Protein backbone atom coordinates (compact mmCIF):
# COMPACT_ATOMS: atom_id res chain seq x y z
CA PRO A 1 148.57 133.95 57.95
CA ILE A 2 146.32 136.41 59.41
CA PRO A 3 144.36 138.37 58.05
CA LEU A 4 143.12 134.90 55.99
CA SER A 5 140.09 134.81 53.85
CA LEU A 6 138.71 131.85 52.20
CA ARG A 7 135.63 131.25 50.17
CA ILE A 8 132.84 129.02 51.02
CA PRO A 9 132.25 126.52 48.06
CA LYS A 10 128.41 126.65 46.81
CA ASN A 11 127.83 129.17 49.14
CA THR A 12 127.04 128.68 52.81
CA PHE A 13 123.63 126.19 53.69
CA TYR A 14 122.64 124.58 56.92
CA GLY A 15 124.61 122.24 57.66
CA ASP A 16 128.14 123.57 57.18
CA MET A 17 130.30 123.54 59.64
CA LEU A 18 133.91 125.65 59.97
CA ILE A 19 136.55 124.28 61.86
CA LEU A 20 139.71 126.25 63.00
CA THR A 21 142.40 125.36 65.47
CA GLY A 22 145.69 127.34 66.36
CA THR A 23 146.86 129.55 69.35
CA VAL A 24 145.32 132.30 70.79
CA ALA A 25 148.52 134.93 71.01
CA GLY A 26 149.48 135.52 74.95
CA GLY A 27 148.05 139.22 75.65
CA ALA A 28 145.51 138.62 73.08
CA ASP A 29 143.27 141.35 72.79
CA ARG A 30 140.35 139.83 70.34
CA PHE A 31 140.01 138.06 67.04
CA HIS A 32 137.40 137.60 64.99
CA VAL A 33 135.83 134.91 62.36
CA ASN A 34 133.35 136.58 59.97
CA PHE A 35 130.98 135.13 57.67
CA GLN A 36 130.25 137.37 55.14
CA CYS A 37 129.01 138.27 51.61
CA GLY A 38 132.31 138.51 49.54
CA PRO A 39 135.93 139.21 51.14
CA GLY A 40 136.25 142.97 51.22
CA GLU A 41 136.36 144.86 54.43
CA ASP A 42 133.19 146.51 53.65
CA ALA A 43 130.78 143.20 52.51
CA ASP A 44 127.86 142.34 54.58
CA ILE A 45 128.63 140.16 57.63
CA MET A 46 126.05 137.38 58.71
CA TYR A 47 127.76 136.19 61.63
CA HIS A 48 130.65 137.66 62.98
CA PHE A 49 132.34 135.91 65.89
CA ASN A 50 134.25 137.99 68.24
CA PRO A 51 136.28 136.66 71.42
CA ARG A 52 137.03 139.54 73.22
CA PHE A 53 139.98 138.39 76.14
CA PRO A 54 140.06 141.99 78.37
CA GLU A 55 136.37 141.67 78.93
CA ASN A 56 136.40 137.97 78.86
CA GLN A 57 133.61 137.94 76.74
CA LEU A 58 132.38 136.61 73.22
CA VAL A 59 130.45 139.23 71.31
CA CYS A 60 128.48 137.78 68.08
CA ASN A 61 126.95 140.42 65.62
CA ASN A 62 126.08 141.31 61.78
CA ARG A 63 126.59 143.76 59.75
CA CYS A 64 124.33 145.28 56.84
CA ALA A 65 124.90 147.99 54.66
CA ASP A 66 127.56 149.43 56.94
CA SER A 67 125.32 149.07 59.65
CA TRP A 68 126.04 147.01 62.88
CA GLY A 69 123.38 145.38 64.43
CA ASP A 70 122.97 145.01 68.36
CA GLU A 71 125.50 142.54 69.62
CA GLN A 72 124.97 140.09 71.43
CA SER A 73 127.43 139.15 74.12
CA ILE A 74 128.29 136.25 76.36
CA ASP A 75 130.11 136.41 79.91
CA GLY A 76 133.02 134.08 80.49
CA LEU A 77 135.21 132.74 77.71
CA PRO A 78 136.53 128.80 77.58
CA VAL A 79 139.83 129.97 76.82
CA ALA A 80 142.67 132.55 77.62
CA PRO A 81 145.08 134.33 76.22
CA GLY A 82 148.30 131.65 75.23
CA ASP A 83 145.80 129.09 74.86
CA ARG A 84 145.32 126.33 72.27
CA ILE A 85 141.83 126.33 70.70
CA VAL A 86 139.43 125.12 68.37
CA VAL A 87 136.19 127.00 67.61
CA CYS A 88 133.32 124.92 65.61
CA ILE A 89 130.95 126.84 64.12
CA VAL A 90 127.81 125.70 62.43
CA ALA A 91 125.47 127.04 60.26
CA ALA A 92 121.99 125.51 61.40
CA LYS A 93 118.16 126.43 60.55
CA GLU A 94 118.24 128.00 63.82
CA GLY A 95 121.47 130.35 63.89
CA PHE A 96 125.04 129.71 64.01
CA ILE A 97 125.63 127.46 66.45
CA PRO A 98 129.69 128.41 67.98
CA PHE A 99 131.50 126.10 69.90
CA ILE A 100 135.04 126.93 71.77
CA ASN A 101 137.18 123.67 72.63
CA GLY A 102 133.81 121.51 72.63
CA ASN A 103 131.76 123.80 74.91
CA PRO A 104 128.68 124.86 73.03
CA LEU A 105 128.19 128.70 73.14
CA PRO A 106 124.54 130.23 72.69
CA THR A 107 122.81 130.13 69.19
CA PHE A 108 123.42 133.38 67.34
CA PRO A 109 120.27 133.67 65.39
CA HIS A 110 119.89 134.46 61.53
CA ARG A 111 119.40 137.94 60.60
CA LEU A 112 120.82 137.61 56.85
CA ASP A 113 120.15 135.38 54.41
CA VAL A 114 122.52 132.36 55.51
CA CYS A 115 123.29 131.79 51.87
CA ALA A 116 124.81 134.75 50.72
CA ALA A 117 127.61 133.84 52.95
CA CYS A 118 130.49 133.16 50.69
CA SER A 119 133.71 133.89 52.33
CA VAL A 120 135.06 133.62 55.88
CA VAL A 121 137.33 136.40 57.20
CA ILE A 122 139.51 135.30 60.19
CA ASP A 123 141.66 138.15 61.79
CA GLY A 124 143.08 139.35 65.03
CA ASP A 125 145.16 137.62 67.59
CA ILE A 126 145.45 133.85 66.95
CA SER A 127 148.18 131.96 64.99
CA LEU A 128 146.71 128.91 63.03
CA GLU A 129 147.07 125.92 62.72
CA SER A 130 144.33 124.44 60.71
CA VAL A 131 140.94 126.03 58.87
CA THR A 132 138.07 123.39 57.17
CA ILE A 133 134.97 124.24 55.82
CA ASP A 134 132.97 121.15 55.56
CA CYS A 135 130.38 121.62 53.29
CA PRO A 136 128.38 119.37 54.80
CA PRO A 137 130.37 118.04 57.65
CA VAL A 138 130.53 114.05 57.79
CA ARG A 139 129.43 114.46 61.54
CA LEU A 140 127.99 117.17 63.41
CA PRO A 141 128.65 118.44 67.12
CA ALA A 142 125.98 116.12 69.24
CA GLN A 143 124.61 119.87 70.06
CA VAL A 144 123.64 120.58 66.67
CA PRO A 145 119.87 120.01 66.17
CA ASP A 146 119.20 117.46 64.02
CA ILE A 147 120.09 118.37 60.19
CA ASP A 148 120.13 115.13 58.08
CA ILE A 149 123.57 115.63 56.60
CA ASP A 150 123.01 112.35 54.04
CA SER A 151 120.09 114.21 51.86
CA PHE A 152 123.13 116.58 50.82
CA ASP A 153 124.28 115.66 47.19
CA ASP A 154 127.55 117.24 46.87
CA LYS A 155 130.20 117.33 49.60
CA THR A 156 132.83 119.33 49.85
CA VAL A 157 136.08 120.24 52.31
CA GLN A 158 138.24 123.32 51.77
CA ALA A 159 141.45 123.22 54.08
CA LEU A 160 144.12 125.22 55.07
CA ARG A 161 146.79 123.42 56.63
CA ALA A 162 149.71 125.99 58.13
CA THR A 163 152.40 122.85 57.94
CA THR A 164 152.94 119.45 56.13
CA PRO A 165 152.45 117.00 55.18
CA VAL A 166 148.90 117.50 54.92
CA THR A 167 146.59 114.29 55.30
CA MET A 168 142.62 114.40 55.17
CA ALA A 169 139.47 112.20 54.50
CA LEU A 170 137.91 112.91 51.13
CA PRO A 171 133.75 112.83 51.68
CA GLY A 172 132.82 109.99 49.01
CA GLY A 173 136.09 109.15 47.88
CA PHE A 174 137.90 110.24 44.85
CA GLY A 175 136.62 109.53 41.70
CA PRO A 176 134.84 110.88 38.27
CA GLY A 177 133.74 114.09 38.52
CA LYS A 178 135.93 114.91 41.52
CA GLY A 179 138.82 117.00 41.96
CA VAL A 180 141.67 118.39 44.29
CA HIS A 181 142.97 121.71 44.38
CA VAL A 182 146.47 122.15 45.98
CA SER A 183 147.88 125.70 46.12
CA GLY A 184 150.92 126.65 47.83
CA LYS A 185 154.30 128.33 48.34
CA VAL A 186 157.88 126.64 47.57
CA HIS A 187 160.16 126.82 50.36
CA ASP A 188 162.80 129.65 49.95
CA SER A 189 165.55 126.53 49.96
CA PRO A 190 163.72 123.34 48.72
CA SER A 191 165.55 119.84 48.74
CA ARG A 192 162.94 118.49 46.17
């Protein structure tokens, strides 16, 4: 469901990774992924990831106190309207590192405190299949500068799956002190 707002467990830290899979709408104009400090429309945005299809550009930016920063634009998108898409965004020390369908794109340097980002908001011309917030990830893309994910004490995964059944790994297994929260909507005519 679009727009989608997800809480980032324990806010954003270096090494955290968001992965979304879906399909860009045919005739799409744009969509965006925002790392922001709260789910509201007026929240500060640490990272605005915004593919714009008519211009064939990726525009990245930030917003603080209702004022947008200078846009960073990259010409040539590795995806078009109607295509399947996998977006991976890593919060690295240097900045946010985006990938589209495995293609690394230029790093967007941090302009605001990355740790203030407590929500991810996704909206626009995209149909989502899944969204995963991996804090920290089990494995980072090879192009991400060295981050020792084994040094993290807690590993948290938050996932949205648009279809069932859902299968996912639990980092570190399941046991005392760990929990699983499942929420959803019952179909109109459930069989069980």
